[in-house]
Structures are given as C-alpha cells and as structure tokens.
C-alpha cells in the first residue's frame, strides 16, 4: 500500500502505536512500594505505613495500610501488621529506606534486609 494507511507505517502511525504499547507496559510493570504516608497536624507528624504504586504521590492513592508510626510520642509508637508486611514483601513490594529501618525494629526484616518468617504459635 503506497502512502501509508497502516498503523505500523509512517511516522505518525508508529509514534501512536509506540505510545499505546508504552502505556500498557507501564501499567503491567508498575512497581509497588511500601512507604510512609504523612498524616497529622503541622509540626506534629504521624505516619501510616502504606503499600502504594510507585507512581502515586506521597499522600495520594494507596493499596493498603499495613501499620502506623508516631515519632512524636514518647516512647515512639510503631505498629505494623507483620503478616501483611511479609505478604507484600513476598510478592515483590520494595520498601523505602526508612521503612526498612522500621521493619528491622519490628523483626520483620533481618540485618541483611531479608524477610524473617513469622513465629508459629502453638
């Protein structure tokens, strides 16, 4: 066919096709992160540990809340649902650097950053 007409022929068609493919690829390969979401008043922060798509903003849309952290209280309050944290780490969610430190304090991660199995209760 002379002069184009095919989706794959010509500059305009190829660019449009590549844009659609990139959009679909980003959708299926989006990384899930475990990170802190800031809540609380000005100068009095508290945080929620959330599982979120890496493209969403810090305080934006999230998938699940797996805990909370209040660094202002004395002593600092940190509560994490260990089962859910282990699940998300097991399916490939990447924790932020700060969350790695918090999960180590809760004995969910070891010093190498590997997931520690949950204690079996009798």
Protein backbone atom coordinates (compact mmCIF):
# COMPACT_ATOMS: atom_id res chain seq x y z
CA UNK A 1 0.00 0.00 0.00
CA UNK A 2 1.61 3.23 -1.12
CA UNK A 3 1.46 6.29 1.07
CA UNK A 4 0.87 4.64 4.42
CA UNK A 5 -2.50 3.84 5.88
CA UNK A 6 -1.24 1.02 8.07
CA UNK A 7 -0.88 1.59 11.79
CA UNK A 8 2.76 0.49 11.65
CA UNK A 9 3.67 2.53 8.55
CA UNK A 10 4.75 6.12 8.66
CA UNK A 11 5.97 8.30 11.48
CA UNK A 12 2.58 9.26 12.88
CA UNK A 13 1.27 5.69 12.99
CA UNK A 14 4.44 4.29 14.59
CA UNK A 15 4.54 7.01 17.24
CA UNK A 16 0.91 6.39 18.12
CA UNK A 17 1.47 2.62 18.31
CA UNK A 18 4.59 3.01 20.48
CA UNK A 19 2.75 5.36 22.83
CA UNK A 20 -0.03 2.82 23.34
CA UNK A 21 2.46 -0.01 23.92
CA UNK A 22 4.42 2.10 26.46
CA UNK A 23 1.23 2.94 28.35
CA UNK A 24 0.24 -0.71 28.56
CA UNK A 25 3.80 -1.74 29.53
CA UNK A 26 3.92 0.82 32.37
CA UNK A 27 0.60 -0.46 33.66
CA UNK A 28 1.79 -4.06 33.92
CA UNK A 29 5.28 -3.33 35.21
CA UNK A 30 4.47 -0.64 37.76
CA UNK A 31 6.41 -1.15 40.96
CA UNK A 32 4.65 -1.46 44.29
CA UNK A 33 6.35 0.26 47.20
CA UNK A 34 5.94 0.16 50.95
CA UNK A 35 6.42 3.70 52.22
CA UNK A 36 5.34 6.26 54.78
CA UNK A 37 2.28 8.46 54.24
CA UNK A 38 2.31 11.62 56.33
CA UNK A 39 -0.70 12.47 58.47
CA UNK A 40 -1.19 14.72 61.48
CA UNK A 41 -1.08 18.44 62.07
CA UNK A 42 1.61 20.95 61.18
CA UNK A 43 4.78 20.30 63.19
CA UNK A 44 3.18 17.15 64.67
CA UNK A 45 3.71 14.44 62.07
CA UNK A 46 2.49 10.90 62.30
CA UNK A 47 2.79 8.38 59.52
CA UNK A 48 0.94 5.42 58.08
CA UNK A 49 2.86 2.56 56.51
CA UNK A 50 1.14 2.05 53.18
CA UNK A 51 1.52 -0.16 50.15
CA UNK A 52 1.25 2.08 47.09
CA UNK A 53 2.04 2.23 43.41
CA UNK A 54 5.41 3.93 42.94
CA UNK A 55 3.86 6.49 40.58
CA UNK A 56 1.29 7.79 43.08
CA UNK A 57 2.21 10.83 45.22
CA UNK A 58 3.35 10.54 48.85
CA UNK A 59 -0.05 11.31 50.34
CA UNK A 60 -2.06 10.08 47.36
CA UNK A 61 -3.78 6.86 46.41
CA UNK A 62 -2.61 3.68 48.11
CA UNK A 63 -3.43 -0.03 48.04
CA UNK A 64 -3.42 -0.96 51.72
CA UNK A 65 -2.48 0.43 55.15
CA UNK A 66 -0.24 -2.04 56.98
CA UNK A 67 0.69 -0.02 60.05
CA UNK A 68 1.36 3.35 61.64
CA UNK A 69 4.29 5.21 63.17
CA UNK A 70 4.18 8.16 65.57
CA UNK A 71 7.69 9.56 66.17
CA UNK A 72 6.48 12.46 68.34
CA UNK A 73 5.12 10.42 71.26
CA UNK A 74 7.45 9.29 73.99
CA UNK A 75 8.17 6.42 73.58
CA UNK A 76 7.79 6.35 69.81
CA UNK A 77 4.81 4.27 68.66
CA UNK A 78 5.29 1.78 65.85
CA UNK A 79 2.67 -0.82 64.97
CA UNK A 80 2.92 -3.00 61.89
CA UNK A 81 0.70 -5.85 60.71
CA UNK A 82 3.55 -8.33 60.25
CA UNK A 83 1.56 -10.85 58.22
CA UNK A 84 0.54 -8.27 55.62
CA UNK A 85 4.04 -6.78 55.52
CA UNK A 86 5.54 -10.23 54.89
CA UNK A 87 2.92 -10.90 52.21
CA UNK A 88 3.69 -7.70 50.30
CA UNK A 89 7.44 -8.21 50.61
CA UNK A 90 6.94 -11.77 49.36
CA UNK A 91 5.13 -10.64 46.22
CA UNK A 92 7.84 -8.11 45.40
CA UNK A 93 6.93 -4.80 47.04
CA UNK A 94 10.02 -2.65 47.60
CA UNK A 95 10.27 -0.88 50.98
CA UNK A 96 11.73 2.63 51.20
CA UNK A 97 14.95 3.11 53.18
CA UNK A 98 13.08 4.46 56.20
CA UNK A 99 10.58 1.60 56.13
CA UNK A 100 13.44 -0.93 56.00
CA UNK A 101 14.73 0.50 59.30
CA UNK A 102 11.27 0.36 60.87
CA UNK A 103 10.67 -3.22 59.71
CA UNK A 104 14.03 -4.25 61.16
CA UNK A 105 12.94 -2.84 64.55
CA UNK A 106 9.78 -4.96 64.35
CA UNK A 107 11.82 -8.11 63.45
CA UNK A 108 10.13 -8.46 60.07
CA UNK A 109 13.44 -7.97 58.24
CA UNK A 110 16.86 -9.18 59.36
CA UNK A 111 20.06 -7.11 59.23
CA UNK A 112 20.60 -8.11 55.58
CA UNK A 113 17.12 -6.96 54.57
CA UNK A 114 15.71 -10.49 54.16
CA UNK A 115 12.23 -11.37 55.41
CA UNK A 116 12.16 -13.24 58.72
CA UNK A 117 9.50 -15.97 58.92
CA UNK A 118 6.67 -15.36 61.38
CA UNK A 119 6.83 -17.19 64.69
CA UNK A 120 4.47 -20.16 64.76
CA UNK A 121 2.19 -20.01 67.78
CA UNK A 122 1.05 -23.27 69.34
